[in-house]
Amino acid sequence: MTLRKLWELAADPDAGHVLDNMRIAGGALEGEFAGTNWQDAWLYKWIEAAAAFYATERDPWIEQRMDEAIELIAAAQEDDGYIATQITARGKPRFQDPREHEVYSMGHLLTAACVHHRATGKDSLLKVAV
């Protein structure tokens, strides 16, 4: 299944960096940000796809991975709501360079939160997005 393979890649620190970047930004893991400046969007897009799939196929593995991802995202979020691991993990100033893709990734977070909420009835990612 594509969703499982994409999750494996996101979880692989040598391939995707996505989950580790969230852990680093959230303080659960020591290390340096790796990957692209739009890396966070990959996780948001995965959640969107997983939620759409989950709406028709109530796969417990998918639900558990979405919950796990959302916990990582929430932990990486700043107290004022800001979230962009490429900025937070590197200690860079916010919204200074459009090539950092903060707004791009934010758009995918908002979309994923809406789709996740509609598919699962949960508001965990919606609260992060708000």
C-alpha atoms as a PDB file:
ATOM      1  CA  MET A   1       0.000   0.000   0.000  1.00  0.00           C
ATOM      2  CA  THR A   2       1.344   3.424  -0.946  1.00  0.00           C
ATOM      3  CA  LEU A   3       0.422   5.045   2.387  1.00  0.00           C
ATOM      4  CA  ARG A   4       2.470   2.475   4.298  1.00  0.00           C
ATOM      5  CA  LYS A   5       5.481   2.928   2.023  1.00  0.00           C
ATOM      6  CA  LEU A   6       5.286   6.709   2.285  1.00  0.00           C
ATOM      7  CA  TRP A   7       5.096   6.416   6.076  1.00  0.00           C
ATOM      8  CA  GLU A   8       8.182   4.188   6.076  1.00  0.00           C
ATOM      9  CA  LEU A   9      10.044   6.795   4.044  1.00  0.00           C
ATOM     10  CA  ALA A  10       8.905   9.620   6.335  1.00  0.00           C
ATOM     11  CA  ALA A  11      10.057   7.609   9.354  1.00  0.00           C
ATOM     12  CA  ASP A  12      13.426   6.721   7.824  1.00  0.00           C
ATOM     13  CA  PRO A  13      15.966   9.318   9.001  1.00  0.00           C
ATOM     14  CA  ASP A  14      18.154   8.587   5.971  1.00  0.00           C
ATOM     15  CA  ALA A  15      15.365   8.917   3.413  1.00  0.00           C
ATOM     16  CA  GLY A  16      12.642  11.276   4.517  1.00  0.00           C
ATOM     17  CA  HIS A  17      13.705  13.135   7.650  1.00  0.00           C
ATOM     18  CA  VAL A  18      10.109  14.265   8.101  1.00  0.00           C
ATOM     19  CA  LEU A  19       9.306  12.698  11.464  1.00  0.00           C
ATOM     20  CA  ASP A  20      12.745  13.367  12.896  1.00  0.00           C
ATOM     21  CA  ASN A  21      12.504  17.031  11.897  1.00  0.00           C
ATOM     22  CA  MET A  22       9.266  17.236  13.890  1.00  0.00           C
ATOM     23  CA  ARG A  23      10.948  15.529  16.841  1.00  0.00           C
ATOM     24  CA  ILE A  24      13.920  17.904  16.652  1.00  0.00           C
ATOM     25  CA  ALA A  25      11.708  20.994  16.444  1.00  0.00           C
ATOM     26  CA  GLY A  26       9.606  19.654  19.321  1.00  0.00           C
ATOM     27  CA  GLY A  27      12.622  18.985  21.516  1.00  0.00           C
ATOM     28  CA  ALA A  28      12.176  15.195  21.665  1.00  0.00           C
ATOM     29  CA  LEU A  29      15.296  14.498  19.597  1.00  0.00           C
ATOM     30  CA  GLU A  30      18.717  16.096  19.382  1.00  0.00           C
ATOM     31  CA  GLY A  31      19.993  16.772  15.914  1.00  0.00           C
ATOM     32  CA  GLU A  32      19.868  19.084  12.958  1.00  0.00           C
ATOM     33  CA  PHE A  33      17.086  19.689  10.478  1.00  0.00           C
ATOM     34  CA  ALA A  34      17.597  17.731   7.266  1.00  0.00           C
ATOM     35  CA  GLY A  35      15.822  17.736   3.946  1.00  0.00           C
ATOM     36  CA  THR A  36      13.919  20.378   2.034  1.00  0.00           C
ATOM     37  CA  ASN A  37      12.303  23.558   3.292  1.00  0.00           C
ATOM     38  CA  TRP A  38       8.899  22.136   2.376  1.00  0.00           C
ATOM     39  CA  GLN A  39       9.480  18.893   4.296  1.00  0.00           C
ATOM     40  CA  ASP A  40       6.635  19.567   6.766  1.00  0.00           C
ATOM     41  CA  ALA A  41       4.139  19.716   3.898  1.00  0.00           C
ATOM     42  CA  TRP A  42       4.977  16.123   3.036  1.00  0.00           C
ATOM     43  CA  LEU A  43       3.650  15.007   6.418  1.00  0.00           C
ATOM     44  CA  TYR A  44       0.561  17.183   6.088  1.00  0.00           C
ATOM     45  CA  LYS A  45      -0.126  15.789   2.619  1.00  0.00           C
ATOM     46  CA  TRP A  46       0.339  12.262   3.973  1.00  0.00           C
ATOM     47  CA  ILE A  47      -2.243  12.934   6.685  1.00  0.00           C
ATOM     48  CA  GLU A  48      -4.644  14.355   4.107  1.00  0.00           C
ATOM     49  CA  ALA A  49      -4.304  11.253   1.923  1.00  0.00           C
ATOM     50  CA  ALA A  50      -4.466   8.904   4.906  1.00  0.00           C
ATOM     51  CA  ALA A  51      -7.602  10.604   6.216  1.00  0.00           C
ATOM     52  CA  ALA A  52      -9.287  10.390   2.814  1.00  0.00           C
ATOM     53  CA  PHE A  53      -8.464   6.681   2.688  1.00  0.00           C
ATOM     54  CA  TYR A  54      -9.558   6.210   6.303  1.00  0.00           C
ATOM     55  CA  ALA A  55     -12.953   7.729   5.504  1.00  0.00           C
ATOM     56  CA  THR A  56     -13.792   4.623   3.472  1.00  0.00           C
ATOM     57  CA  GLU A  57     -11.458   1.997   4.962  1.00  0.00           C
ATOM     58  CA  ARG A  58     -11.301   2.214   8.749  1.00  0.00           C
ATOM     59  CA  ASP A  59      -7.764   0.828   8.911  1.00  0.00           C
ATOM     60  CA  PRO A  60      -6.503   0.929  12.540  1.00  0.00           C
ATOM     61  CA  TRP A  61      -2.864   1.163  11.391  1.00  0.00           C
ATOM     62  CA  ILE A  62      -3.683   4.324   9.412  1.00  0.00           C
ATOM     63  CA  GLU A  63      -5.523   5.824  12.370  1.00  0.00           C
ATOM     64  CA  GLN A  64      -2.595   5.085  14.702  1.00  0.00           C
ATOM     65  CA  ARG A  65      -0.075   6.639  12.311  1.00  0.00           C
ATOM     66  CA  MET A  66      -2.222   9.744  11.878  1.00  0.00           C
ATOM     67  CA  ASP A  67      -2.506  10.086  15.665  1.00  0.00           C
ATOM     68  CA  GLU A  68       1.252   9.615  16.009  1.00  0.00           C
ATOM     69  CA  ALA A  69       1.968  12.226  13.349  1.00  0.00           C
ATOM     70  CA  ILE A  70      -0.433  14.723  14.898  1.00  0.00           C
ATOM     71  CA  GLU A  71       1.209  14.305  18.302  1.00  0.00           C
ATOM     72  CA  LEU A  72       4.587  15.093  16.719  1.00  0.00           C
ATOM     73  CA  ILE A  73       3.172  18.116  14.906  1.00  0.00           C
ATOM     74  CA  ALA A  74       1.530  19.444  18.070  1.00  0.00           C
ATOM     75  CA  ALA A  75       4.770  19.007  20.022  1.00  0.00           C
ATOM     76  CA  ALA A  76       6.719  20.902  17.339  1.00  0.00           C
ATOM     77  CA  GLN A  77       4.269  23.816  17.383  1.00  0.00           C
ATOM     78  CA  GLU A  78       5.426  26.986  19.119  1.00  0.00           C
ATOM     79  CA  ASP A  79       3.391  28.426  22.006  1.00  0.00           C
ATOM     80  CA  ASP A  80       2.011  31.158  19.735  1.00  0.00           C
ATOM     81  CA  GLY A  81       0.823  28.596  17.157  1.00  0.00           C
ATOM     82  CA  TYR A  82       3.687  28.948  14.680  1.00  0.00           C
ATOM     83  CA  ILE A  83       4.965  25.746  13.115  1.00  0.00           C
ATOM     84  CA  ALA A  84       7.693  25.309  10.530  1.00  0.00           C
ATOM     85  CA  THR A  85      10.407  22.835  11.482  1.00  0.00           C
ATOM     86  CA  GLN A  86      12.904  24.226   8.968  1.00  0.00           C
ATOM     87  CA  ILE A  87      12.751  27.526  10.871  1.00  0.00           C
ATOM     88  CA  THR A  88      12.316  26.341  14.456  1.00  0.00           C
ATOM     89  CA  ALA A  89      14.962  23.612  14.352  1.00  0.00           C
ATOM     90  CA  ARG A  90      17.490  25.978  12.779  1.00  0.00           C
ATOM     91  CA  GLY A  91      16.661  28.983  14.945  1.00  0.00           C
ATOM     92  CA  LYS A  92      15.951  31.148  11.889  1.00  0.00           C
ATOM     93  CA  PRO A  93      13.745  34.243  11.880  1.00  0.00           C
ATOM     94  CA  ARG A  94      10.186  33.711  10.708  1.00  0.00           C
ATOM     95  CA  PHE A  95       8.677  34.842   7.403  1.00  0.00           C
ATOM     96  CA  GLN A  96      11.868  36.424   6.087  1.00  0.00           C
ATOM     97  CA  ASP A  97      12.460  34.370   2.953  1.00  0.00           C
ATOM     98  CA  PRO A  98       9.706  32.949   0.732  1.00  0.00           C
ATOM     99  CA  ARG A  99      12.064  30.114  -0.206  1.00  0.00           C
ATOM    100  CA  GLU A 100      11.554  28.749   3.308  1.00  0.00           C
ATOM    101  CA  HIS A 101       8.015  27.711   2.232  1.00  0.00           C
ATOM    102  CA  GLU A 102       6.374  28.546   5.553  1.00  0.00           C
ATOM    103  CA  VAL A 103       3.106  29.698   3.981  1.00  0.00           C
ATOM    104  CA  TYR A 104       3.091  26.840   1.462  1.00  0.00           C
ATOM    105  CA  SER A 105       3.406  24.273   4.249  1.00  0.00           C
ATOM    106  CA  MET A 106       0.846  26.097   6.352  1.00  0.00           C
ATOM    107  CA  GLY A 107      -1.690  25.743   3.547  1.00  0.00           C
ATOM    108  CA  HIS A 108      -1.173  21.995   3.496  1.00  0.00           C
ATOM    109  CA  LEU A 109      -1.559  21.870   7.275  1.00  0.00           C
ATOM    110  CA  LEU A 110      -4.902  23.672   7.050  1.00  0.00           C
ATOM    111  CA  THR A 111      -6.156  21.348   4.311  1.00  0.00           C
ATOM    112  CA  ALA A 112      -4.991  18.227   6.143  1.00  0.00           C
ATOM    113  CA  ALA A 113      -6.680  19.406   9.342  1.00  0.00           C
ATOM    114  CA  CYS A 114     -10.022  19.858   7.594  1.00  0.00           C
ATOM    115  CA  VAL A 115      -9.884  16.525   5.783  1.00  0.00           C
ATOM    116  CA  HIS A 116      -8.730  14.727   8.942  1.00  0.00           C
ATOM    117  CA  HIS A 117     -11.549  16.227  10.993  1.00  0.00           C
ATOM    118  CA  ARG A 118     -14.188  15.313   8.402  1.00  0.00           C
ATOM    119  CA  ALA A 119     -12.881  11.760   8.011  1.00  0.00           C
ATOM    120  CA  THR A 120     -12.284  10.925  11.668  1.00  0.00           C
ATOM    121  CA  GLY A 121     -14.426  13.328  13.677  1.00  0.00           C
ATOM    122  CA  LYS A 122     -11.316  14.121  15.721  1.00  0.00           C
ATOM    123  CA  ASP A 123     -10.247  17.706  16.297  1.00  0.00           C
ATOM    124  CA  SER A 124      -6.625  17.099  17.306  1.00  0.00           C
ATOM    125  CA  LEU A 125      -5.098  18.422  14.063  1.00  0.00           C
ATOM    126  CA  LEU A 126      -7.829  21.024  13.690  1.00  0.00           C
ATOM    127  CA  LYS A 127      -6.782  22.496  17.055  1.00  0.00           C
ATOM    128  CA  VAL A 128      -3.182  22.719  15.821  1.00  0.00           C
ATOM    129  CA  ALA A 129      -4.296  24.403  12.612  1.00  0.00           C
ATOM    130  CA  VAL A 130      -6.495  26.910  14.436  1.00  0.00           C
END
